[in-house]
Amino acid sequence: MNFRDYYEILGVEKSADQGAIRKAFRKLARKYHPDVAEDKSTAEEKFKELNEAYEVLGDPEKRKKYDTLGPNWKDGPRPEPRGGSNYENQYSGTGFSDFFEQMFGAGARPGPGGFSSFGDDPRGRDVPIPGQDAHTDILVSLDEALNGTERSLQMQQLDRATGQSKLKTSKIRIPKGITEGQLIRCAGLGNPGHNGGKTGDLFLHVRLEKHPDFRVSGSDLYYDLPLAPWEAVLGAEVPVRSLTGEVRIKIPPLTDQGTELRIKDRGLPGGHLYAVIRIAVPAEITPEETSHWEALAKASSFTPRSH
C-alpha cells in the first residue's frame, strides 16, 4: 500500500502548528461534509480521509511517529506485538485506511500470566494457552453514534512462523449512544490460542469523527452560534443546526458572548445540544451604517471596560 501524505491532504506545510492544522481541517471538513458537499458521491470518502489525517496530525504523539518514519515507513522499525505473539492482524472496515492500520493500528496484550499465545508452559507441560487480545481504533460518525449501525469488518491474520494468512469477515454492531473512548468487544477476533487454548478477542477503541460544526463532550454536543450585535442586545429567534435537523431557539435580550443555551435532547442519546453564543461583527460597513454606529456610540451609556 502507498504512503499517505496527511500534510498534503489537509493542505498545510510540515512546519504548521496545531492551530493551523485545526483551522485547515475545519475549513475542508465544512466543504466535504456529506450533509453539505456538492458532490455527495465522493464526499463521504474525502471526509473520512480528512478525519484520518487530522487524527494523526492533531495528535502530537502520532504526528511525531508519522514524521519520524515518513515515506519510508515500511523500512522503519516495526515493533513486535506486545507479549511476543506469533500472529499479526490487519483489519479493514474500521473507517481508517490500510496505511493507518499498518502504522497506528492493531496491537496485542499478553495473555494470562504474561505468556505468549504460542509455546509451552514455563513449567514444561503443554497446557491450553489462550490467545492474545487485539486492539485497534474504529472511526465512528456522529450519525452512527446517534442511531447505531452495523459494520462489516475484515480481519487478515498472518502467521509469522509459516507465512500463511487467512481472511475472516464478521458483522459487528456499533450500539446507539456510543461515545469517544468506549470499547467494542468482538469475541474471537483476536489471536488464536495454543494447545487448544481459546482465541483472543478484538477490542475496538471508538474514535468519533471530528465534525466541522459540533464539538463532543460525552453525550453532549456544542455548537458555536454566531449572532449579530443587535441580536444579542435586543434578543431574536434564530435557527440552530442539529444532527436531526434545524431547530429555532429564542435568544433573550442582553445575551453575552460565551453564553451556553441548552437545547434539550438534541445531542447524542442521553445528551443535549448547547448553542454557544459568538457575537460576530461585519467585515465591512457602508458609510450610512457607519453613521448609525457612530450615533449609537454617542447615545449609549454602556462602558464595557468599567466592569
C-alpha atoms as a PDB file:
ATOM      1  CA  MET A   1       0.000   0.000   0.000  1.00  0.00           C
ATOM      2  CA  ASN A   2       1.122   3.552  -0.647  1.00  0.00           C
ATOM      3  CA  PHE A   3       2.258   6.169   1.832  1.00  0.00           C
ATOM      4  CA  ARG A   4      -0.439   8.744   2.627  1.00  0.00           C
ATOM      5  CA  ASP A   5       0.718  12.361   2.833  1.00  0.00           C
ATOM      6  CA  TYR A   6      -1.510  13.745   5.573  1.00  0.00           C
ATOM      7  CA  TYR A   7       0.008  17.220   5.227  1.00  0.00           C
ATOM      8  CA  GLU A   8      -0.990  17.290   1.568  1.00  0.00           C
ATOM      9  CA  ILE A   9      -4.490  16.030   2.407  1.00  0.00           C
ATOM     10  CA  LEU A  10      -5.002  18.956   4.803  1.00  0.00           C
ATOM     11  CA  GLY A  11      -3.147  21.402   2.570  1.00  0.00           C
ATOM     12  CA  VAL A  12      -0.639  22.504   5.222  1.00  0.00           C
ATOM     13  CA  GLU A  13       3.156  22.646   5.452  1.00  0.00           C
ATOM     14  CA  LYS A  14       5.076  20.194   7.625  1.00  0.00           C
ATOM     15  CA  SER A  15       6.028  23.132   9.836  1.00  0.00           C
ATOM     16  CA  ALA A  16       2.366  24.036  10.532  1.00  0.00           C
ATOM     17  CA  ASP A  17       1.478  24.421  14.192  1.00  0.00           C
ATOM     18  CA  GLN A  18      -1.532  22.738  15.810  1.00  0.00           C
ATOM     19  CA  GLY A  19      -3.693  25.834  15.352  1.00  0.00           C
ATOM     20  CA  ALA A  20      -3.054  25.906  11.605  1.00  0.00           C
ATOM     21  CA  ILE A  21      -3.755  22.184  11.308  1.00  0.00           C
ATOM     22  CA  ARG A  22      -7.030  22.537  13.209  1.00  0.00           C
ATOM     23  CA  LYS A  23      -8.077  25.525  11.087  1.00  0.00           C
ATOM     24  CA  ALA A  24      -7.276  23.705   7.831  1.00  0.00           C
ATOM     25  CA  PHE A  25      -9.242  20.655   8.900  1.00  0.00           C
ATOM     26  CA  ARG A  26     -12.337  22.651   9.865  1.00  0.00           C
ATOM     27  CA  LYS A  27     -12.293  24.571   6.592  1.00  0.00           C
ATOM     28  CA  LEU A  28     -12.041  21.436   4.453  1.00  0.00           C
ATOM     29  CA  ALA A  29     -14.435  19.454   6.640  1.00  0.00           C
ATOM     30  CA  ARG A  30     -17.127  22.088   6.105  1.00  0.00           C
ATOM     31  CA  LYS A  31     -16.606  21.785   2.355  1.00  0.00           C
ATOM     32  CA  TYR A  32     -16.651  17.995   2.191  1.00  0.00           C
ATOM     33  CA  HIS A  33     -19.062  17.013   4.953  1.00  0.00           C
ATOM     34  CA  PRO A  34     -21.602  14.675   3.297  1.00  0.00           C
ATOM     35  CA  ASP A  35     -24.533  16.792   4.508  1.00  0.00           C
ATOM     36  CA  VAL A  36     -23.438  19.881   2.578  1.00  0.00           C
ATOM     37  CA  ALA A  37     -20.983  18.738  -0.126  1.00  0.00           C
ATOM     38  CA  GLU A  38     -21.940  19.389  -3.747  1.00  0.00           C
ATOM     39  CA  ASP A  39     -20.566  16.049  -4.974  1.00  0.00           C
ATOM     40  CA  LYS A  40     -22.029  13.618  -2.462  1.00  0.00           C
ATOM     41  CA  SER A  41     -20.706  10.577  -4.353  1.00  0.00           C
ATOM     42  CA  THR A  42     -17.131  11.321  -3.277  1.00  0.00           C
ATOM     43  CA  ALA A  43     -17.734  13.472  -0.195  1.00  0.00           C
ATOM     44  CA  GLU A  44     -18.002  10.670   2.357  1.00  0.00           C
ATOM     45  CA  GLU A  45     -14.663   9.112   1.405  1.00  0.00           C
ATOM     46  CA  LYS A  46     -12.969  12.532   1.286  1.00  0.00           C
ATOM     47  CA  PHE A  47     -14.389  13.433   4.696  1.00  0.00           C
ATOM     48  CA  LYS A  48     -13.048  10.192   6.212  1.00  0.00           C
ATOM     49  CA  GLU A  49      -9.674  10.924   4.609  1.00  0.00           C
ATOM     50  CA  LEU A  50      -9.630  14.354   6.249  1.00  0.00           C
ATOM     51  CA  ASN A  51     -10.582  12.830   9.601  1.00  0.00           C
ATOM     52  CA  GLU A  52      -7.772  10.289   9.327  1.00  0.00           C
ATOM     53  CA  ALA A  53      -5.237  12.999   8.514  1.00  0.00           C
ATOM     54  CA  TYR A  54      -6.432  15.095  11.458  1.00  0.00           C
ATOM     55  CA  GLU A  55      -6.480  12.034  13.734  1.00  0.00           C
ATOM     56  CA  VAL A  56      -2.724  11.729  13.138  1.00  0.00           C
ATOM     57  CA  LEU A  57      -1.533  15.321  12.737  1.00  0.00           C
ATOM     58  CA  GLY A  58      -3.809  16.578  15.510  1.00  0.00           C
ATOM     59  CA  ASP A  59      -2.236  14.123  17.978  1.00  0.00           C
ATOM     60  CA  PRO A  60       1.348  15.126  18.928  1.00  0.00           C
ATOM     61  CA  GLU A  61       2.457  11.526  19.594  1.00  0.00           C
ATOM     62  CA  LYS A  62       1.039  10.122  16.368  1.00  0.00           C
ATOM     63  CA  ARG A  63       2.373  13.105  14.429  1.00  0.00           C
ATOM     64  CA  LYS A  64       5.869  12.541  15.830  1.00  0.00           C
ATOM     65  CA  LYS A  65       5.809   8.874  14.797  1.00  0.00           C
ATOM     66  CA  TYR A  66       4.460   9.787  11.363  1.00  0.00           C
ATOM     67  CA  ASP A  67       7.124  12.469  10.837  1.00  0.00           C
ATOM     68  CA  THR A  68       9.895  10.142  12.002  1.00  0.00           C
ATOM     69  CA  LEU A  69       9.085   7.313   9.601  1.00  0.00           C
ATOM     70  CA  GLY A  70       7.691   9.392   6.717  1.00  0.00           C
ATOM     71  CA  PRO A  71       7.503   7.915   3.193  1.00  0.00           C
ATOM     72  CA  ASN A  72       9.971   5.202   4.213  1.00  0.00           C
ATOM     73  CA  TRP A  73       7.628   3.956   6.928  1.00  0.00           C
ATOM     74  CA  LYS A  74       7.846   0.340   5.690  1.00  0.00           C
ATOM     75  CA  ASP A  75      11.607   0.353   6.189  1.00  0.00           C
ATOM     76  CA  GLY A  76      11.359   1.735   9.695  1.00  0.00           C
ATOM     77  CA  PRO A  77      11.264  -0.219  12.936  1.00  0.00           C
ATOM     78  CA  ARG A  78       8.232  -2.478  13.201  1.00  0.00           C
ATOM     79  CA  PRO A  79       7.924  -3.492  16.859  1.00  0.00           C
ATOM     80  CA  GLU A  80       6.668  -6.966  17.579  1.00  0.00           C
ATOM     81  CA  PRO A  81       3.153  -7.157  19.041  1.00  0.00           C
ATOM     82  CA  ARG A  82       3.218  -6.903  22.832  1.00  0.00           C
ATOM     83  CA  GLY A  83       3.620 -10.246  24.552  1.00  0.00           C
ATOM     84  CA  GLY A  84       5.526 -11.989  21.742  1.00  0.00           C
ATOM     85  CA  SER A  85       2.582 -13.168  19.662  1.00  0.00           C
ATOM     86  CA  ASN A  86       3.438 -15.093  16.521  1.00  0.00           C
ATOM     87  CA  TYR A  87       0.467 -13.540  14.710  1.00  0.00           C
ATOM     88  CA  GLU A  88      -0.098 -10.179  13.061  1.00  0.00           C
ATOM     89  CA  ASN A  89      -3.645  -8.954  12.500  1.00  0.00           C
ATOM     90  CA  GLN A  90      -4.688  -6.392   9.926  1.00  0.00           C
ATOM     91  CA  TYR A  91      -8.221  -5.009   9.883  1.00  0.00           C
ATOM     92  CA  SER A  92     -10.336  -3.223   7.289  1.00  0.00           C
ATOM     93  CA  GLY A  93     -13.776  -1.733   7.787  1.00  0.00           C
ATOM     94  CA  THR A  94     -12.708   0.361  10.778  1.00  0.00           C
ATOM     95  CA  GLY A  95     -13.131   3.622   8.882  1.00  0.00           C
ATOM     96  CA  PHE A  96      -9.367   4.074   8.661  1.00  0.00           C
ATOM     97  CA  SER A  97      -7.188   3.273   5.651  1.00  0.00           C
ATOM     98  CA  ASP A  98      -4.924   0.227   5.420  1.00  0.00           C
ATOM     99  CA  PHE A  99      -1.970   2.601   5.773  1.00  0.00           C
ATOM    100  CA  PHE A 100      -3.317   3.940   9.084  1.00  0.00           C
ATOM    101  CA  GLU A 101      -3.986   0.408  10.329  1.00  0.00           C
ATOM    102  CA  GLN A 102      -0.428  -0.671   9.465  1.00  0.00           C
ATOM    103  CA  MET A 103       1.154   2.354  11.117  1.00  0.00           C
ATOM    104  CA  PHE A 104      -1.121   3.036  14.090  1.00  0.00           C
ATOM    105  CA  GLY A 105      -3.498   0.090  14.293  1.00  0.00           C
ATOM    106  CA  ALA A 106      -3.757  -3.257  15.979  1.00  0.00           C
ATOM    107  CA  GLY A 107      -1.560  -4.465  18.803  1.00  0.00           C
ATOM    108  CA  ALA A 108      -1.775  -7.311  21.274  1.00  0.00           C
ATOM    109  CA  ARG A 109      -1.690  -7.645  25.025  1.00  0.00           C
ATOM    110  CA  PRO A 110      -0.075 -10.504  26.924  1.00  0.00           C
ATOM    111  CA  GLY A 111      -2.309 -13.404  27.882  1.00  0.00           C
ATOM    112  CA  PRO A 112      -2.818 -14.525  31.491  1.00  0.00           C
ATOM    113  CA  GLY A 113       0.457 -14.662  33.366  1.00  0.00           C
ATOM    114  CA  GLY A 114       2.177 -12.756  30.578  1.00  0.00           C
ATOM    115  CA  PHE A 115       2.608 -15.853  28.372  1.00  0.00           C
ATOM    116  CA  SER A 116       2.548 -15.546  24.624  1.00  0.00           C
ATOM    117  CA  SER A 117      -0.102 -17.263  22.530  1.00  0.00           C
ATOM    118  CA  PHE A 118       2.355 -19.927  21.411  1.00  0.00           C
ATOM    119  CA  GLY A 119       4.891 -22.225  23.019  1.00  0.00           C
ATOM    120  CA  ASP A 120       4.858 -24.307  26.174  1.00  0.00           C
ATOM    121  CA  ASP A 121       4.004 -23.505  29.748  1.00  0.00           C
ATOM    122  CA  PRO A 122       7.260 -22.438  31.534  1.00  0.00           C
ATOM    123  CA  ARG A 123       6.733 -25.383  33.888  1.00  0.00           C
ATOM    124  CA  GLY A 124       7.434 -27.729  30.997  1.00  0.00           C
ATOM    125  CA  ARG A 125       3.913 -29.038  30.342  1.00  0.00           C
ATOM    126  CA  ASP A 126       1.785 -28.467  27.282  1.00  0.00           C
ATOM    127  CA  VAL A 127      -1.338 -26.733  28.548  1.00  0.00           C
ATOM    128  CA  PRO A 128      -4.037 -24.740  26.733  1.00  0.00           C
ATOM    129  CA  ILE A 129      -2.872 -21.141  26.498  1.00  0.00           C
ATOM    130  CA  PRO A 130      -5.435 -18.515  25.430  1.00  0.00           C
ATOM    131  CA  GLY A 131      -4.669 -16.269  22.504  1.00  0.00           C
ATOM    132  CA  GLN A 132      -3.862 -12.633  22.990  1.00  0.00           C
ATOM    133  CA  ASP A 133      -6.448  -9.919  22.623  1.00  0.00           C
ATOM    134  CA  ALA A 134      -6.028  -7.468  19.744  1.00  0.00           C
ATOM    135  CA  HIS A 135      -6.733  -3.743  19.870  1.00  0.00           C
ATOM    136  CA  THR A 136      -7.344  -1.165  17.162  1.00  0.00           C
ATOM    137  CA  ASP A 137      -9.246   2.085  16.616  1.00  0.00           C
ATOM    138  CA  ILE A 138     -12.583   2.408  14.860  1.00  0.00           C
ATOM    139  CA  LEU A 139     -13.808   5.677  13.373  1.00  0.00           C
ATOM    140  CA  VAL A 140     -17.497   6.308  14.109  1.00  0.00           C
ATOM    141  CA  SER A 141     -19.529   9.177  12.667  1.00  0.00           C
ATOM    142  CA  LEU A 142     -21.873  11.216  14.844  1.00  0.00           C
ATOM    143  CA  ASP A 143     -24.829   9.894  12.846  1.00  0.00           C
ATOM    144  CA  GLU A 144     -23.709   6.334  13.614  1.00  0.00           C
ATOM    145  CA  ALA A 145     -23.335   7.203  17.298  1.00  0.00           C
ATOM    146  CA  LEU A 146     -26.788   8.785  17.250  1.00  0.00           C
ATOM    147  CA  ASN A 147     -28.618   5.900  15.595  1.00  0.00           C
ATOM    148  CA  GLY A 148     -26.371   2.860  15.916  1.00  0.00           C
ATOM    149  CA  THR A 149     -25.253   0.834  12.906  1.00  0.00           C
ATOM    150  CA  GLU A 150     -23.704  -2.401  11.706  1.00  0.00           C
ATOM    151  CA  ARG A 151     -20.305  -2.705  10.044  1.00  0.00           C
ATOM    152  CA  SER A 152     -18.622  -5.402   8.013  1.00  0.00           C
ATOM    153  CA  LEU A 153     -15.151  -5.958   9.475  1.00  0.00           C
ATOM    154  CA  GLN A 154     -12.448  -7.947   7.693  1.00  0.00           C
ATOM    155  CA  MET A 155      -9.507  -9.448   9.541  1.00  0.00           C
ATOM    156  CA  GLN A 156      -6.388 -10.587   7.685  1.00  0.00           C
ATOM    157  CA  GLN A 157      -4.296 -12.732  10.024  1.00  0.00           C
ATOM    158  CA  LEU A 158      -0.677 -13.553   9.218  1.00  0.00           C
ATOM    159  CA  ASP A 159       1.159 -16.428  10.909  1.00  0.00           C
ATOM    160  CA  ARG A 160       4.736 -15.184  11.087  1.00  0.00           C
ATOM    161  CA  ALA A 161       6.105 -18.698  11.542  1.00  0.00           C
ATOM    162  CA  THR A 162       4.545 -20.223   8.418  1.00  0.00           C
ATOM    163  CA  GLY A 163       3.962 -17.101   6.305  1.00  0.00           C
ATOM    164  CA  GLN A 164       0.358 -18.189   5.782  1.00  0.00           C
ATOM    165  CA  SER A 165      -2.576 -15.831   6.148  1.00  0.00           C
ATOM    166  CA  LYS A 166      -6.319 -16.190   6.385  1.00  0.00           C
ATOM    167  CA  LEU A 167      -9.179 -13.761   5.875  1.00  0.00           C
ATOM    168  CA  LYS A 168     -12.236 -13.603   8.099  1.00  0.00           C
ATOM    169  CA  THR A 169     -15.243 -11.325   7.617  1.00  0.00           C
ATOM    170  CA  SER A 170     -17.553 -10.540  10.533  1.00  0.00           C
ATOM    171  CA  LYS A 171     -20.518  -8.299  11.196  1.00  0.00           C
ATOM    172  CA  ILE A 172     -20.048  -6.008  14.178  1.00  0.00           C
ATOM    173  CA  ARG A 173     -22.643  -3.820  15.845  1.00  0.00           C
ATOM    174  CA  ILE A 174     -21.954  -0.241  16.843  1.00  0.00           C
ATOM    175  CA  PRO A 175     -24.534   0.466  19.529  1.00  0.00           C
ATOM    176  CA  LYS A 176     -26.653   3.589  19.646  1.00  0.00           C
ATOM    177  CA  GLY A 177     -25.196   6.159  22.031  1.00  0.00           C
ATOM    178  CA  ILE A 178     -21.562   5.000  21.797  1.00  0.00           C
ATOM    179  CA  THR A 179     -19.148   7.688  22.972  1.00  0.00           C
ATOM    180  CA  GLU A 180     -15.499   8.604  22.451  1.00  0.00           C
ATOM    181  CA  GLY A 181     -13.077   6.178  24.067  1.00  0.00           C
ATOM    182  CA  GLN A 182     -15.553   3.360  24.675  1.00  0.00           C
ATOM    183  CA  LEU A 183     -14.593  -0.184  23.757  1.00  0.00           C
ATOM    184  CA  ILE A 184     -16.488  -2.559  21.499  1.00  0.00           C
ATOM    185  CA  ARG A 185     -15.613  -6.184  22.262  1.00  0.00           C
ATOM    186  CA  CYS A 186     -15.600  -8.585  19.315  1.00  0.00           C
ATOM    187  CA  ALA A 187     -15.360 -12.088  20.729  1.00  0.00           C
ATOM    188  CA  GLY A 188     -12.985 -14.463  18.978  1.00  0.00           C
ATOM    189  CA  LEU A 189     -11.417 -11.947  16.585  1.00  0.00           C
ATOM    190  CA  GLY A 190      -8.067 -11.738  18.346  1.00  0.00           C
ATOM    191  CA  ASN A 191      -5.081 -14.067  18.099  1.00  0.00           C
ATOM    192  CA  PRO A 192      -5.515 -17.857  18.180  1.00  0.00           C
ATOM    193  CA  GLY A 193      -4.554 -19.777  21.285  1.00  0.00           C
ATOM    194  CA  HIS A 194      -2.082 -22.629  21.608  1.00  0.00           C
ATOM    195  CA  ASN A 195      -2.602 -26.250  22.586  1.00  0.00           C
ATOM    196  CA  GLY A 196      -6.353 -25.839  22.195  1.00  0.00           C
ATOM    197  CA  GLY A 197      -6.477 -22.526  24.065  1.00  0.00           C
ATOM    198  CA  LYS A 198      -9.333 -20.108  23.390  1.00  0.00           C
ATOM    199  CA  THR A 199      -8.898 -17.462  20.676  1.00  0.00           C
ATOM    200  CA  GLY A 200      -8.446 -13.928  21.998  1.00  0.00           C
ATOM    201  CA  ASP A 201     -10.885 -11.067  21.479  1.00  0.00           C
ATOM    202  CA  LEU A 202     -10.669  -7.880  19.446  1.00  0.00           C
ATOM    203  CA  PHE A 203     -11.298  -4.600  21.251  1.00  0.00           C
ATOM    204  CA  LEU A 204     -12.246  -1.646  19.081  1.00  0.00           C
ATOM    205  CA  HIS A 205     -11.419   1.734  20.632  1.00  0.00           C
ATOM    206  CA  VAL A 206     -14.057   4.208  19.474  1.00  0.00           C
ATOM    207  CA  ARG A 207     -12.862   7.433  17.888  1.00  0.00           C
ATOM    208  CA  LEU A 208     -15.687   9.782  16.960  1.00  0.00           C
ATOM    209  CA  GLU A 209     -15.320  11.611  13.658  1.00  0.00           C
ATOM    210  CA  LYS A 210     -14.432  15.252  14.077  1.00  0.00           C
ATOM    211  CA  HIS A 211     -17.341  17.374  12.856  1.00  0.00           C
ATOM    212  CA  PRO A 212     -16.907  20.846  11.331  1.00  0.00           C
ATOM    213  CA  ASP A 213     -19.782  22.287  13.401  1.00  0.00           C
ATOM    214  CA  PHE A 214     -20.151  20.229  16.570  1.00  0.00           C
ATOM    215  CA  ARG A 215     -17.796  19.562  19.449  1.00  0.00           C
ATOM    216  CA  VAL A 216     -18.475  16.457  21.517  1.00  0.00           C
ATOM    217  CA  SER A 217     -18.290  16.131  25.282  1.00  0.00           C
ATOM    218  CA  GLY A 218     -19.609  12.777  26.455  1.00  0.00           C
ATOM    219  CA  SER A 219     -23.140  12.664  25.035  1.00  0.00           C
ATOM    220  CA  ASP A 220     -23.451  16.450  24.710  1.00  0.00           C
ATOM    221  CA  LEU A 221     -22.813  18.477  21.570  1.00  0.00           C
ATOM    222  CA  TYR A 222     -21.602  22.087  21.449  1.00  0.00           C
ATOM    223  CA  TYR A 223     -22.303  24.386  18.522  1.00  0.00           C
ATOM    224  CA  ASP A 224     -20.907  27.907  18.056  1.00  0.00           C
ATOM    225  CA  LEU A 225     -23.871  30.139  17.228  1.00  0.00           C
ATOM    226  CA  PRO A 226     -22.911  33.471  15.633  1.00  0.00           C
ATOM    227  CA  LEU A 227     -25.141  36.446  16.489  1.00  0.00           C
ATOM    228  CA  ALA A 228     -25.166  39.987  15.160  1.00  0.00           C
ATOM    229  CA  PRO A 229     -24.558  42.544  17.933  1.00  0.00           C
ATOM    230  CA  TRP A 230     -28.153  43.763  17.756  1.00  0.00           C
ATOM    231  CA  GLU A 231     -29.492  40.196  18.058  1.00  0.00           C
ATOM    232  CA  ALA A 232     -27.503  39.732  21.254  1.00  0.00           C
ATOM    233  CA  VAL A 233     -28.683  43.065  22.667  1.00  0.00           C
ATOM    234  CA  LEU A 234     -32.330  43.059  21.573  1.00  0.00           C
ATOM    235  CA  GLY A 235     -32.992  39.323  21.516  1.00  0.00           C
ATOM    236  CA  ALA A 236     -34.014  37.289  18.485  1.00  0.00           C
ATOM    237  CA  GLU A 237     -35.297  33.978  17.217  1.00  0.00           C
ATOM    238  CA  VAL A 238     -32.657  32.168  15.160  1.00  0.00           C
ATOM    239  CA  PRO A 239     -32.121  28.756  13.538  1.00  0.00           C
ATOM    240  CA  VAL A 240     -29.643  26.288  15.015  1.00  0.00           C
ATOM    241  CA  ARG A 241     -28.374  23.211  13.220  1.00  0.00           C
ATOM    242  CA  SER A 242     -28.624  19.842  14.990  1.00  0.00           C
ATOM    243  CA  LEU A 243     -27.919  16.244  13.984  1.00  0.00           C
ATOM    244  CA  THR A 244     -31.634  15.679  13.453  1.00  0.00           C
ATOM    245  CA  GLY A 245     -32.444  18.876  11.569  1.00  0.00           C
ATOM    246  CA  GLU A 246     -32.821  22.573  12.137  1.00  0.00           C
ATOM    247  CA  VAL A 247     -34.383  23.901  15.334  1.00  0.00           C
ATOM    248  CA  ARG A 248     -35.282  27.512  16.145  1.00  0.00           C
ATOM    249  CA  ILE A 249     -34.453  28.986  19.535  1.00  0.00           C
ATOM    250  CA  LYS A 250     -35.151  32.294  21.236  1.00  0.00           C
ATOM    251  CA  ILE A 251     -32.213  34.474  22.219  1.00  0.00           C
ATOM    252  CA  PRO A 252     -33.002  36.502  25.365  1.00  0.00           C
ATOM    253  CA  PRO A 253     -32.212  40.233  25.273  1.00  0.00           C
ATOM    254  CA  LEU A 254     -28.764  41.212  26.562  1.00  0.00           C
ATOM    255  CA  THR A 255     -27.219  37.800  25.889  1.00  0.00           C
ATOM    256  CA  ASP A 256     -23.458  37.888  26.450  1.00  0.00           C
ATOM    257  CA  GLN A 257     -20.618  36.306  24.477  1.00  0.00           C
ATOM    258  CA  GLY A 258     -19.962  32.722  25.571  1.00  0.00           C
ATOM    259  CA  THR A 259     -23.451  32.123  26.972  1.00  0.00           C
ATOM    260  CA  GLU A 260     -24.493  28.478  26.569  1.00  0.00           C
ATOM    261  CA  LEU A 261     -28.133  27.884  25.680  1.00  0.00           C
ATOM    262  CA  ARG A 262     -29.278  24.295  26.200  1.00  0.00           C
ATOM    263  CA  ILE A 263     -31.453  22.616  23.601  1.00  0.00           C
ATOM    264  CA  LYS A 264     -32.813  19.559  25.358  1.00  0.00           C
ATOM    265  CA  ASP A 265     -32.367  16.061  23.899  1.00  0.00           C
ATOM    266  CA  ARG A 266     -30.718  17.278  20.686  1.00  0.00           C
ATOM    267  CA  GLY A 267     -27.289  15.835  21.422  1.00  0.00           C
ATOM    268  CA  LEU A 268     -26.228  12.206  21.214  1.00  0.00           C
ATOM    269  CA  PRO A 269     -28.530   9.733  23.042  1.00  0.00           C
ATOM    270  CA  GLY A 270     -28.915  10.867  26.635  1.00  0.00           C
ATOM    271  CA  GLY A 271     -27.308  14.235  25.922  1.00  0.00           C
ATOM    272  CA  HIS A 272     -28.195  17.765  24.908  1.00  0.00           C
ATOM    273  CA  LEU A 273     -27.110  20.337  22.337  1.00  0.00           C
ATOM    274  CA  TYR A 274     -25.595  23.561  23.641  1.00  0.00           C
ATOM    275  CA  ALA A 275     -25.591  26.671  21.470  1.00  0.00           C
ATOM    276  CA  VAL A 276     -22.548  28.735  22.484  1.00  0.00           C
ATOM    277  CA  ILE A 277     -23.027  32.412  21.678  1.00  0.00           C
ATOM    278  CA  ARG A 278     -20.366  34.020  19.493  1.00  0.00           C
ATOM    279  CA  ILE A 279     -21.022  37.680  18.748  1.00  0.00           C
ATOM    280  CA  ALA A 280     -19.958  38.444  15.177  1.00  0.00           C
ATOM    281  CA  VAL A 281     -19.137  41.811  13.650  1.00  0.00           C
ATOM    282  CA  PRO A 282     -19.413  42.668   9.940  1.00  0.00           C
ATOM    283  CA  ALA A 283     -16.280  42.523   7.806  1.00  0.00           C
ATOM    284  CA  GLU A 284     -17.116  45.943   6.351  1.00  0.00           C
ATOM    285  CA  ILE A 285     -19.870  48.550   6.638  1.00  0.00           C
ATOM    286  CA  THR A 286     -21.281  51.255   4.398  1.00  0.00           C
ATOM    287  CA  PRO A 287     -20.963  54.983   5.133  1.00  0.00           C
ATOM    288  CA  GLU A 288     -24.639  55.023   6.144  1.00  0.00           C
ATOM    289  CA  GLU A 289     -24.116  52.151   8.577  1.00  0.00           C
ATOM    290  CA  THR A 290     -21.067  53.920   9.954  1.00  0.00           C
ATOM    291  CA  SER A 291     -23.137  56.977  10.788  1.00  0.00           C
ATOM    292  CA  HIS A 292     -25.691  54.815  12.631  1.00  0.00           C
ATOM    293  CA  TRP A 293     -22.980  53.108  14.649  1.00  0.00           C
ATOM    294  CA  GLU A 294     -21.444  56.476  15.499  1.00  0.00           C
ATOM    295  CA  ALA A 295     -24.821  57.808  16.620  1.00  0.00           C
ATOM    296  CA  LEU A 296     -25.342  54.728  18.805  1.00  0.00           C
ATOM    297  CA  ALA A 297     -21.874  55.165  20.311  1.00  0.00           C
ATOM    298  CA  LYS A 298     -22.716  58.736  21.286  1.00  0.00           C
ATOM    299  CA  ALA A 299     -26.150  57.879  22.663  1.00  0.00           C
ATOM    300  CA  SER A 300     -25.153  54.762  24.615  1.00  0.00           C
ATOM    301  CA  SER A 301     -24.032  54.872  28.242  1.00  0.00           C
ATOM    302  CA  PHE A 302     -22.517  51.397  28.021  1.00  0.00           C
ATOM    303  CA  THR A 303     -18.831  51.236  29.012  1.00  0.00           C
ATOM    304  CA  PRO A 304     -17.583  47.634  28.729  1.00  0.00           C
ATOM    305  CA  ARG A 305     -14.217  48.275  30.391  1.00  0.00           C
ATOM    306  CA  SER A 306     -15.774  49.610  33.592  1.00  0.00           C
ATOM    307  CA  HIS A 307     -16.708  46.079  34.742  1.00  0.00           C
END
